[in-house]
All heavy atoms as atom14 arrays in JSON, in Angstrom:
{
  "sequence": "NGHYLSRQAEAELRAKGIDLRIIDLRWLAPLPEASLLKAVEGCKRILI",
  "atom14_mask": [
    [1, 1, 1, 1, 1, 1, 1, 1, 0, 0, 0, 0, 0, 0],
    [1, 1, 1, 1, 0, 0, 0, 0, 0, 0, 0, 0, 0, 0],
    [1, 1, 1, 1, 1, 1, 1, 1, 1, 1, 0, 0, 0, 0],
    [1, 1, 1, 1, 1, 1, 1, 1, 1, 1, 1, 1, 0, 0],
    [1, 1, 1, 1, 1, 1, 1, 1, 0, 0, 0, 0, 0, 0],
    [1, 1, 1, 1, 1, 1, 0, 0, 0, 0, 0, 0, 0, 0],
    [1, 1, 1, 1, 1, 1, 1, 1, 1, 1, 1, 0, 0, 0],
    [1, 1, 1, 1, 1, 1, 1, 1, 1, 0, 0, 0, 0, 0],
    [1, 1, 1, 1, 1, 0, 0, 0, 0, 0, 0, 0, 0, 0],
    [1, 1, 1, 1, 1, 1, 1, 1, 1, 0, 0, 0, 0, 0],
    [1, 1, 1, 1, 1, 0, 0, 0, 0, 0, 0, 0, 0, 0],
    [1, 1, 1, 1, 1, 1, 1, 1, 1, 0, 0, 0, 0, 0],
    [1, 1, 1, 1, 1, 1, 1, 1, 0, 0, 0, 0, 0, 0],
    [1, 1, 1, 1, 1, 1, 1, 1, 1, 1, 1, 0, 0, 0],
    [1, 1, 1, 1, 1, 0, 0, 0, 0, 0, 0, 0, 0, 0],
    [1, 1, 1, 1, 1, 1, 1, 1, 1, 0, 0, 0, 0, 0],
    [1, 1, 1, 1, 0, 0, 0, 0, 0, 0, 0, 0, 0, 0],
    [1, 1, 1, 1, 1, 1, 1, 1, 0, 0, 0, 0, 0, 0],
    [1, 1, 1, 1, 1, 1, 1, 1, 0, 0, 0, 0, 0, 0],
    [1, 1, 1, 1, 1, 1, 1, 1, 0, 0, 0, 0, 0, 0],
    [1, 1, 1, 1, 1, 1, 1, 1, 1, 1, 1, 0, 0, 0],
    [1, 1, 1, 1, 1, 1, 1, 1, 0, 0, 0, 0, 0, 0],
    [1, 1, 1, 1, 1, 1, 1, 1, 0, 0, 0, 0, 0, 0],
    [1, 1, 1, 1, 1, 1, 1, 1, 0, 0, 0, 0, 0, 0],
    [1, 1, 1, 1, 1, 1, 1, 1, 0, 0, 0, 0, 0, 0],
    [1, 1, 1, 1, 1, 1, 1, 1, 1, 1, 1, 0, 0, 0],
    [1, 1, 1, 1, 1, 1, 1, 1, 1, 1, 1, 1, 1, 1],
    [1, 1, 1, 1, 1, 1, 1, 1, 0, 0, 0, 0, 0, 0],
    [1, 1, 1, 1, 1, 0, 0, 0, 0, 0, 0, 0, 0, 0],
    [1, 1, 1, 1, 1, 1, 1, 0, 0, 0, 0, 0, 0, 0],
    [1, 1, 1, 1, 1, 1, 1, 1, 0, 0, 0, 0, 0, 0],
    [1, 1, 1, 1, 1, 1, 1, 0, 0, 0, 0, 0, 0, 0],
    [1, 1, 1, 1, 1, 1, 1, 1, 1, 0, 0, 0, 0, 0],
    [1, 1, 1, 1, 1, 0, 0, 0, 0, 0, 0, 0, 0, 0],
    [1, 1, 1, 1, 1, 1, 0, 0, 0, 0, 0, 0, 0, 0],
    [1, 1, 1, 1, 1, 1, 1, 1, 0, 0, 0, 0, 0, 0],
    [1, 1, 1, 1, 1, 1, 1, 1, 0, 0, 0, 0, 0, 0],
    [1, 1, 1, 1, 1, 1, 1, 1, 1, 0, 0, 0, 0, 0],
    [1, 1, 1, 1, 1, 0, 0, 0, 0, 0, 0, 0, 0, 0],
    [1, 1, 1, 1, 1, 1, 1, 0, 0, 0, 0, 0, 0, 0],
    [1, 1, 1, 1, 1, 1, 1, 1, 1, 0, 0, 0, 0, 0],
    [1, 1, 1, 1, 0, 0, 0, 0, 0, 0, 0, 0, 0, 0],
    [1, 1, 1, 1, 1, 1, 0, 0, 0, 0, 0, 0, 0, 0],
    [1, 1, 1, 1, 1, 1, 1, 1, 1, 0, 0, 0, 0, 0],
    [1, 1, 1, 1, 1, 1, 1, 1, 1, 1, 1, 0, 0, 0],
    [1, 1, 1, 1, 1, 1, 1, 1, 0, 0, 0, 0, 0, 0],
    [1, 1, 1, 1, 1, 1, 1, 1, 0, 0, 0, 0, 0, 0],
    [1, 1, 1, 1, 1, 1, 1, 1, 0, 0, 0, 0, 0, 0]
  ],
  "atom14_positions": [
    [[0.77, -1.22, -0.04], [0.02, -0.01, 0.01], [0.82, 1.29, -0.01], [0.43, 2.34, -0.55], [-0.92, -0.06, 1.23], [-1.89, -1.13, 1.18], [-2.88, -1.1, 0.44], [-1.78, -2.12, 2.06], [0.0, 0.0, 0.0], [0.0, 0.0, 0.0], [0.0, 0.0, 0.0], [0.0, 0.0, 0.0], [0.0, 0.0, 0.0], [0.0, 0.0, 0.0]],
    [[2.08, 1.19, 0.57], [2.95, 2.36, 0.52], [3.44, 2.76, -0.79], [3.51, 3.9, -1.13], [0.0, 0.0, 0.0], [0.0, 0.0, 0.0], [0.0, 0.0, 0.0], [0.0, 0.0, 0.0], [0.0, 0.0, 0.0], [0.0, 0.0, 0.0], [0.0, 0.0, 0.0], [0.0, 0.0, 0.0], [0.0, 0.0, 0.0], [0.0, 0.0, 0.0]],
    [[3.48, 1.75, -1.67], [3.83, 2.07, -3.12], [2.66, 2.83, -3.77], [2.89, 3.82, -4.4], [4.2, 0.79, -3.83], [4.55, 0.99, -5.3], [4.16, 0.13, -6.28], [5.17, 2.07, -5.89], [4.68, 0.65, -7.44], [5.28, 1.78, -7.2], [0.0, 0.0, 0.0], [0.0, 0.0, 0.0], [0.0, 0.0, 0.0], [0.0, 0.0, 0.0]],
    [[1.39, 2.38, -3.52], [0.24, 2.97, -4.08], [0.13, 4.44, -3.56], [-0.01, 5.4, -4.36], [-0.99, 2.24, -3.66], [-2.34, 2.76, -4.08], [-2.77, 2.64, -5.4], [-3.04, 3.54, -3.12], [-3.97, 3.19, -5.71], [-4.21, 4.2, -3.48], [-4.76, 3.99, -4.83], [-5.88, 4.54, -5.23], [0.0, 0.0, 0.0], [0.0, 0.0, 0.0]],
    [[0.32, 4.67, -2.32], [0.18, 5.99, -1.73], [1.41, 6.92, -2.19], [1.22, 8.16, -2.4], [0.36, 5.89, -0.16], [-0.93, 5.23, 0.47], [-0.66, 4.97, 2.01], [-2.19, 6.07, 0.33], [0.0, 0.0, 0.0], [0.0, 0.0, 0.0], [0.0, 0.0, 0.0], [0.0, 0.0, 0.0], [0.0, 0.0, 0.0], [0.0, 0.0, 0.0]],
    [[2.6, 6.31, -2.32], [3.7, 7.12, -2.84], [3.51, 7.49, -4.27], [3.83, 8.66, -4.72], [4.96, 6.31, -2.81], [5.25, 6.02, -1.49], [0.0, 0.0, 0.0], [0.0, 0.0, 0.0], [0.0, 0.0, 0.0], [0.0, 0.0, 0.0], [0.0, 0.0, 0.0], [0.0, 0.0, 0.0], [0.0, 0.0, 0.0], [0.0, 0.0, 0.0]],
    [[2.83, 6.65, -5.1], [2.49, 7.12, -6.49], [1.51, 8.21, -6.5], [1.47, 9.07, -7.29], [1.95, 5.86, -7.23], [3.05, 4.78, -7.48], [4.0, 5.26, -8.66], [3.28, 5.33, -9.89], [3.06, 4.26, -10.7], [3.49, 3.09, -10.3], [2.41, 4.41, -11.85], [0.0, 0.0, 0.0], [0.0, 0.0, 0.0], [0.0, 0.0, 0.0]],
    [[0.46, 8.19, -5.52], [-0.42, 9.29, -5.42], [0.23, 10.58, -5.04], [-0.08, 11.66, -5.52], [-1.52, 8.9, -4.27], [-2.52, 8.01, -4.73], [-3.7, 7.86, -3.67], [-3.41, 7.95, -2.52], [-4.88, 7.7, -4.18], [0.0, 0.0, 0.0], [0.0, 0.0, 0.0], [0.0, 0.0, 0.0], [0.0, 0.0, 0.0], [0.0, 0.0, 0.0]],
    [[1.25, 10.55, -4.19], [2.04, 11.7, -3.76], [2.99, 12.17, -4.86], [3.37, 13.48, -4.81], [2.83, 11.32, -2.44], [0.0, 0.0, 0.0], [0.0, 0.0, 0.0], [0.0, 0.0, 0.0], [0.0, 0.0, 0.0], [0.0, 0.0, 0.0], [0.0, 0.0, 0.0], [0.0, 0.0, 0.0], [0.0, 0.0, 0.0], [0.0, 0.0, 0.0]],
    [[3.2, 11.33, -5.83], [4.19, 11.72, -6.81], [3.89, 12.98, -7.61], [4.75, 13.81, -7.72], [4.39, 10.57, -7.8], [5.38, 10.78, -8.89], [5.36, 9.76, -10.03], [4.47, 8.84, -9.94], [6.21, 9.77, -10.88], [0.0, 0.0, 0.0], [0.0, 0.0, 0.0], [0.0, 0.0, 0.0], [0.0, 0.0, 0.0], [0.0, 0.0, 0.0]],
    [[2.67, 13.15, -8.03], [2.26, 14.24, -8.85], [2.47, 15.54, -8.01], [3.01, 16.53, -8.65], [0.84, 14.14, -9.3], [0.0, 0.0, 0.0], [0.0, 0.0, 0.0], [0.0, 0.0, 0.0], [0.0, 0.0, 0.0], [0.0, 0.0, 0.0], [0.0, 0.0, 0.0], [0.0, 0.0, 0.0], [0.0, 0.0, 0.0], [0.0, 0.0, 0.0]],
    [[2.08, 15.55, -6.81], [2.28, 16.79, -6.04], [3.68, 17.09, -5.8], [4.09, 18.37, -5.8], [1.53, 16.65, -4.67], [1.37, 17.85, -3.88], [0.45, 17.73, -2.68], [-0.49, 16.74, -2.7], [0.59, 18.43, -1.7], [0.0, 0.0, 0.0], [0.0, 0.0, 0.0], [0.0, 0.0, 0.0], [0.0, 0.0, 0.0], [0.0, 0.0, 0.0]],
    [[4.48, 16.13, -5.51], [5.91, 16.38, -5.37], [6.6, 16.89, -6.62], [7.48, 17.75, -6.57], [6.68, 15.06, -4.88], [6.3, 14.63, -3.4], [6.8, 13.26, -3.1], [6.73, 15.63, -2.37], [0.0, 0.0, 0.0], [0.0, 0.0, 0.0], [0.0, 0.0, 0.0], [0.0, 0.0, 0.0], [0.0, 0.0, 0.0], [0.0, 0.0, 0.0]],
    [[6.19, 16.29, -7.78], [6.78, 16.78, -9.01], [6.39, 18.21, -9.23], [7.15, 19.1, -9.88], [6.42, 15.85, -10.14], [7.09, 14.57, -10.17], [6.9, 13.75, -11.36], [7.52, 12.44, -11.28], [8.78, 12.15, -11.39], [9.62, 13.1, -11.68], [9.2, 10.93, -11.31], [0.0, 0.0, 0.0], [0.0, 0.0, 0.0], [0.0, 0.0, 0.0]],
    [[5.14, 18.58, -8.92], [4.6, 19.88, -9.09], [5.45, 20.95, -8.28], [5.51, 22.18, -8.64], [3.14, 20.06, -8.74], [0.0, 0.0, 0.0], [0.0, 0.0, 0.0], [0.0, 0.0, 0.0], [0.0, 0.0, 0.0], [0.0, 0.0, 0.0], [0.0, 0.0, 0.0], [0.0, 0.0, 0.0], [0.0, 0.0, 0.0], [0.0, 0.0, 0.0]],
    [[6.05, 20.38, -7.23], [6.82, 21.33, -6.31], [8.32, 21.31, -6.61], [9.06, 21.8, -5.96], [6.66, 20.86, -4.92], [5.25, 21.15, -4.37], [5.07, 20.76, -2.9], [3.68, 21.0, -2.45], [3.38, 22.42, -2.33], [0.0, 0.0, 0.0], [0.0, 0.0, 0.0], [0.0, 0.0, 0.0], [0.0, 0.0, 0.0], [0.0, 0.0, 0.0]],
    [[8.59, 20.71, -7.86], [9.86, 20.7, -8.33], [10.86, 19.61, -7.96], [12.09, 19.71, -8.17], [0.0, 0.0, 0.0], [0.0, 0.0, 0.0], [0.0, 0.0, 0.0], [0.0, 0.0, 0.0], [0.0, 0.0, 0.0], [0.0, 0.0, 0.0], [0.0, 0.0, 0.0], [0.0, 0.0, 0.0], [0.0, 0.0, 0.0], [0.0, 0.0, 0.0]],
    [[10.29, 18.63, -7.28], [11.16, 17.57, -6.87], [11.13, 16.33, -7.83], [9.98, 15.81, -8.19], [10.68, 16.96, -5.46], [10.77, 18.07, -4.48], [11.42, 15.71, -5.03], [10.15, 17.65, -3.07], [0.0, 0.0, 0.0], [0.0, 0.0, 0.0], [0.0, 0.0, 0.0], [0.0, 0.0, 0.0], [0.0, 0.0, 0.0], [0.0, 0.0, 0.0]],
    [[12.29, 16.09, -8.43], [12.52, 14.99, -9.37], [12.8, 13.67, -8.66], [13.7, 13.56, -7.93], [13.59, 15.39, -10.35], [13.64, 14.51, -11.63], [12.58, 13.81, -11.86], [14.72, 14.35, -12.28], [0.0, 0.0, 0.0], [0.0, 0.0, 0.0], [0.0, 0.0, 0.0], [0.0, 0.0, 0.0], [0.0, 0.0, 0.0], [0.0, 0.0, 0.0]],
    [[11.79, 12.75, -8.71], [11.97, 11.6, -7.85], [11.82, 10.3, -8.59], [11.46, 10.23, -9.78], [10.98, 11.63, -6.8], [9.5, 11.42, -7.1], [8.71, 10.83, -5.91], [8.78, 12.68, -7.58], [0.0, 0.0, 0.0], [0.0, 0.0, 0.0], [0.0, 0.0, 0.0], [0.0, 0.0, 0.0], [0.0, 0.0, 0.0], [0.0, 0.0, 0.0]],
    [[12.21, 9.2, -7.96], [11.96, 7.84, -8.47], [11.36, 7.14, -7.21], [11.68, 7.38, -6.13], [13.19, 7.19, -8.9], [14.22, 6.89, -7.84], [15.56, 6.28, -8.32], [16.39, 7.33, -9.07], [17.64, 7.06, -9.51], [18.24, 5.91, -9.25], [18.26, 7.96, -10.13], [0.0, 0.0, 0.0], [0.0, 0.0, 0.0], [0.0, 0.0, 0.0]],
    [[10.41, 6.16, -7.59], [9.75, 5.33, -6.56], [10.24, 3.98, -6.67], [10.08, 3.28, -7.79], [8.25, 5.53, -6.55], [7.85, 6.91, -6.43], [7.62, 4.61, -5.52], [6.38, 7.2, -6.64], [0.0, 0.0, 0.0], [0.0, 0.0, 0.0], [0.0, 0.0, 0.0], [0.0, 0.0, 0.0], [0.0, 0.0, 0.0], [0.0, 0.0, 0.0]],
    [[10.79, 3.35, -5.65], [11.37, 1.97, -5.76], [10.45, 1.14, -4.96], [10.17, 1.26, -3.77], [12.71, 1.96, -5.12], [13.67, 2.92, -6.02], [13.26, 0.55, -5.2], [14.9, 3.19, -5.35], [0.0, 0.0, 0.0], [0.0, 0.0, 0.0], [0.0, 0.0, 0.0], [0.0, 0.0, 0.0], [0.0, 0.0, 0.0], [0.0, 0.0, 0.0]],
    [[9.85, 0.03, -5.61], [8.99, -0.91, -4.92], [9.88, -2.16, -4.53], [10.48, -2.84, -5.37], [7.94, -1.37, -6.05], [6.9, -2.3, -5.39], [6.94, -2.49, -4.2], [6.03, -2.73, -6.16], [0.0, 0.0, 0.0], [0.0, 0.0, 0.0], [0.0, 0.0, 0.0], [0.0, 0.0, 0.0], [0.0, 0.0, 0.0], [0.0, 0.0, 0.0]],
    [[9.81, -2.31, -3.26], [10.78, -3.32, -2.67], [10.37, -4.71, -3.13], [11.22, -5.54, -3.4], [10.6, -3.23, -1.11], [11.58, -4.05, -0.26], [12.99, -3.79, -0.55], [11.27, -3.72, 1.24], [0.0, 0.0, 0.0], [0.0, 0.0, 0.0], [0.0, 0.0, 0.0], [0.0, 0.0, 0.0], [0.0, 0.0, 0.0], [0.0, 0.0, 0.0]],
    [[9.06, -5.04, -3.17], [8.64, -6.34, -3.67], [8.91, -7.53, -2.71], [8.13, -8.34, -2.22], [9.04, -6.67, -5.08], [8.46, -5.74, -6.18], [9.07, -6.11, -7.49], [8.42, -5.42, -8.64], [8.98, -5.23, -9.73], [10.19, -5.66, -10.0], [8.41, -4.68, -10.81], [0.0, 0.0, 0.0], [0.0, 0.0, 0.0], [0.0, 0.0, 0.0]],
    [[10.29, -7.68, -2.52], [10.74, -8.89, -1.69], [11.2, -8.32, -0.33], [12.18, -7.67, -0.22], [11.87, -9.54, -2.5], [11.59, -9.95, -3.89], [11.83, -9.25, -5.0], [10.79, -11.11, -4.27], [11.28, -9.9, -6.12], [10.66, -11.06, -5.68], [10.24, -12.15, -3.56], [9.94, -12.02, -6.36], [9.54, -13.16, -4.3], [9.41, -13.07, -5.68]],
    [[10.45, -8.7, 0.61], [10.68, -8.16, 1.98], [11.77, -9.03, 2.77], [12.37, -8.52, 3.68], [9.39, -8.11, 2.85], [8.2, -7.36, 2.15], [7.12, -7.25, 3.18], [8.65, -6.08, 1.51], [0.0, 0.0, 0.0], [0.0, 0.0, 0.0], [0.0, 0.0, 0.0], [0.0, 0.0, 0.0], [0.0, 0.0, 0.0], [0.0, 0.0, 0.0]],
    [[11.87, -10.21, 2.48], [12.88, -11.1, 3.02], [13.22, -12.19, 2.16], [12.37, -12.73, 1.45], [12.38, -11.69, 4.37], [0.0, 0.0, 0.0], [0.0, 0.0, 0.0], [0.0, 0.0, 0.0], [0.0, 0.0, 0.0], [0.0, 0.0, 0.0], [0.0, 0.0, 0.0], [0.0, 0.0, 0.0], [0.0, 0.0, 0.0], [0.0, 0.0, 0.0]],
    [[14.43, -12.5, 1.89], [15.66, -11.73, 2.39], [15.66, -10.31, 1.67], [15.27, -10.21, 0.53], [16.87, -12.47, 2.08], [16.39, -13.34, 0.88], [14.96, -13.63, 1.08], [0.0, 0.0, 0.0], [0.0, 0.0, 0.0], [0.0, 0.0, 0.0], [0.0, 0.0, 0.0], [0.0, 0.0, 0.0], [0.0, 0.0, 0.0], [0.0, 0.0, 0.0]],
    [[16.11, -9.42, 2.39], [16.25, -8.0, 1.88], [17.09, -7.9, 0.6], [18.27, -8.33, 0.68], [16.74, -7.07, 2.95], [16.5, -5.54, 2.76], [15.06, -5.26, 2.75], [17.19, -4.74, 3.79], [0.0, 0.0, 0.0], [0.0, 0.0, 0.0], [0.0, 0.0, 0.0], [0.0, 0.0, 0.0], [0.0, 0.0, 0.0], [0.0, 0.0, 0.0]],
    [[16.6, -7.47, -0.51], [17.4, -7.46, -1.75], [18.36, -6.25, -1.7], [18.29, -5.29, -2.45], [16.35, -7.25, -2.84], [15.17, -6.59, -2.14], [15.23, -7.0, -0.76], [0.0, 0.0, 0.0], [0.0, 0.0, 0.0], [0.0, 0.0, 0.0], [0.0, 0.0, 0.0], [0.0, 0.0, 0.0], [0.0, 0.0, 0.0], [0.0, 0.0, 0.0]],
    [[19.36, -6.42, -0.95], [20.27, -5.26, -0.75], [21.09, -4.8, -1.9], [21.06, -3.55, -2.11], [21.35, -5.7, 0.41], [20.71, -5.91, 1.77], [21.77, -6.29, 2.88], [22.93, -6.34, 2.5], [21.36, -6.47, 4.01], [0.0, 0.0, 0.0], [0.0, 0.0, 0.0], [0.0, 0.0, 0.0], [0.0, 0.0, 0.0], [0.0, 0.0, 0.0]],
    [[21.56, -5.72, -2.74], [22.3, -5.26, -3.97], [21.39, -4.51, -4.88], [21.79, -3.46, -5.46], [22.94, -6.5, -4.55], [0.0, 0.0, 0.0], [0.0, 0.0, 0.0], [0.0, 0.0, 0.0], [0.0, 0.0, 0.0], [0.0, 0.0, 0.0], [0.0, 0.0, 0.0], [0.0, 0.0, 0.0], [0.0, 0.0, 0.0], [0.0, 0.0, 0.0]],
    [[20.18, -5.03, -5.06], [19.26, -4.32, -6.01], [18.81, -2.99, -5.46], [18.7, -1.98, -6.21], [17.93, -5.29, -6.17], [18.29, -6.47, -6.9], [0.0, 0.0, 0.0], [0.0, 0.0, 0.0], [0.0, 0.0, 0.0], [0.0, 0.0, 0.0], [0.0, 0.0, 0.0], [0.0, 0.0, 0.0], [0.0, 0.0, 0.0], [0.0, 0.0, 0.0]],
    [[18.68, -2.84, -4.24], [18.28, -1.61, -3.65], [19.37, -0.55, -3.66], [19.22, 0.56, -4.07], [17.9, -1.76, -2.16], [16.54, -2.43, -1.88], [16.35, -2.75, -0.45], [15.45, -1.54, -2.29], [0.0, 0.0, 0.0], [0.0, 0.0, 0.0], [0.0, 0.0, 0.0], [0.0, 0.0, 0.0], [0.0, 0.0, 0.0], [0.0, 0.0, 0.0]],
    [[20.62, -0.96, -3.45], [21.76, -0.04, -3.45], [21.87, 0.46, -4.96], [22.24, 1.6, -5.17], [22.98, -0.71, -3.0], [23.04, -1.02, -1.47], [24.23, -1.85, -1.06], [22.97, 0.29, -0.61], [0.0, 0.0, 0.0], [0.0, 0.0, 0.0], [0.0, 0.0, 0.0], [0.0, 0.0, 0.0], [0.0, 0.0, 0.0], [0.0, 0.0, 0.0]],
    [[21.72, -0.46, -5.88], [21.81, -0.02, -7.33], [20.72, 0.91, -7.67], [20.89, 1.87, -8.43], [21.82, -1.27, -8.22], [21.96, -0.98, -9.61], [22.05, -2.26, -10.52], [22.23, -1.96, -12.04], [23.39, -1.07, -12.3], [0.0, 0.0, 0.0], [0.0, 0.0, 0.0], [0.0, 0.0, 0.0], [0.0, 0.0, 0.0], [0.0, 0.0, 0.0]],
    [[19.49, 0.65, -7.13], [18.33, 1.42, -7.44], [18.45, 2.85, -6.99], [17.78, 3.81, -7.53], [17.05, 0.82, -6.94], [0.0, 0.0, 0.0], [0.0, 0.0, 0.0], [0.0, 0.0, 0.0], [0.0, 0.0, 0.0], [0.0, 0.0, 0.0], [0.0, 0.0, 0.0], [0.0, 0.0, 0.0], [0.0, 0.0, 0.0], [0.0, 0.0, 0.0]],
    [[19.22, 3.1, -5.9], [19.26, 4.51, -5.41], [20.51, 5.26, -5.83], [20.7, 6.35, -5.44], [19.24, 4.48, -3.86], [17.96, 3.83, -3.31], [20.42, 3.78, -3.21], [0.0, 0.0, 0.0], [0.0, 0.0, 0.0], [0.0, 0.0, 0.0], [0.0, 0.0, 0.0], [0.0, 0.0, 0.0], [0.0, 0.0, 0.0], [0.0, 0.0, 0.0]],
    [[21.29, 4.55, -6.68], [22.52, 5.32, -7.11], [22.16, 6.65, -7.78], [21.25, 6.77, -8.63], [23.27, 4.4, -8.18], [23.96, 3.21, -7.59], [24.74, 2.35, -8.58], [24.54, 2.69, -9.82], [25.34, 1.45, -8.2], [0.0, 0.0, 0.0], [0.0, 0.0, 0.0], [0.0, 0.0, 0.0], [0.0, 0.0, 0.0], [0.0, 0.0, 0.0]],
    [[22.89, 7.7, -7.42], [22.75, 8.99, -7.88], [21.64, 9.85, -7.3], [21.44, 11.05, -7.61], [0.0, 0.0, 0.0], [0.0, 0.0, 0.0], [0.0, 0.0, 0.0], [0.0, 0.0, 0.0], [0.0, 0.0, 0.0], [0.0, 0.0, 0.0], [0.0, 0.0, 0.0], [0.0, 0.0, 0.0], [0.0, 0.0, 0.0], [0.0, 0.0, 0.0]],
    [[20.93, 9.3, -6.31], [19.86, 10.06, -5.6], [20.48, 10.84, -4.42], [21.37, 10.46, -3.76], [18.83, 9.09, -5.09], [17.8, 8.5, -6.43], [0.0, 0.0, 0.0], [0.0, 0.0, 0.0], [0.0, 0.0, 0.0], [0.0, 0.0, 0.0], [0.0, 0.0, 0.0], [0.0, 0.0, 0.0], [0.0, 0.0, 0.0], [0.0, 0.0, 0.0]],
    [[19.93, 12.02, -4.23], [20.47, 12.96, -3.23], [19.86, 12.65, -1.85], [20.38, 12.93, -0.77], [20.26, 14.41, -3.57], [20.85, 14.87, -4.86], [20.33, 16.24, -5.29], [20.95, 16.72, -6.6], [20.43, 18.03, -7.01], [0.0, 0.0, 0.0], [0.0, 0.0, 0.0], [0.0, 0.0, 0.0], [0.0, 0.0, 0.0], [0.0, 0.0, 0.0]],
    [[18.62, 12.19, -1.8], [17.94, 11.79, -0.54], [17.14, 10.55, -0.75], [16.72, 10.18, -1.8], [16.98, 13.07, -0.18], [17.74, 14.31, 0.16], [18.34, 14.19, 1.54], [18.88, 15.45, 2.0], [20.1, 15.92, 1.82], [20.91, 15.28, 0.97], [20.4, 17.08, 2.24], [0.0, 0.0, 0.0], [0.0, 0.0, 0.0], [0.0, 0.0, 0.0]],
    [[16.93, 9.89, 0.38], [16.14, 8.64, 0.45], [15.15, 8.74, 1.46], [15.41, 8.98, 2.65], [17.08, 7.39, 0.71], [18.1, 7.24, -0.36], [16.19, 6.09, 0.85], [19.22, 6.16, 0.06], [0.0, 0.0, 0.0], [0.0, 0.0, 0.0], [0.0, 0.0, 0.0], [0.0, 0.0, 0.0], [0.0, 0.0, 0.0], [0.0, 0.0, 0.0]],
    [[13.84, 8.51, 1.09], [12.71, 8.44, 2.04], [12.14, 7.04, 2.01], [11.79, 6.57, 0.9], [11.71, 9.4, 1.66], [10.45, 9.34, 2.57], [10.65, 9.8, 3.98], [9.29, 10.33, 1.84], [0.0, 0.0, 0.0], [0.0, 0.0, 0.0], [0.0, 0.0, 0.0], [0.0, 0.0, 0.0], [0.0, 0.0, 0.0], [0.0, 0.0, 0.0]],
    [[12.09, 6.41, 3.2], [11.43, 5.12, 3.3], [9.99, 5.24, 3.78], [9.73, 5.91, 4.8], [12.32, 4.23, 4.27], [13.72, 4.01, 3.8], [11.52, 2.91, 4.52], [14.64, 3.58, 4.82], [0.0, 0.0, 0.0], [0.0, 0.0, 0.0], [0.0, 0.0, 0.0], [0.0, 0.0, 0.0], [0.0, 0.0, 0.0], [0.0, 0.0, 0.0]]
  ]
}
């Protein structure tokens, strides 16, 4: 549900000038650490 809500928030954040990406974890255990670290490469901030 967090992914759904984050996609709802996306339009408002982009309207405020924030260029973002939304990463859907999908696999909660074991934590896909390598995929996550690659997915956030180049980002200035991370919000969980």
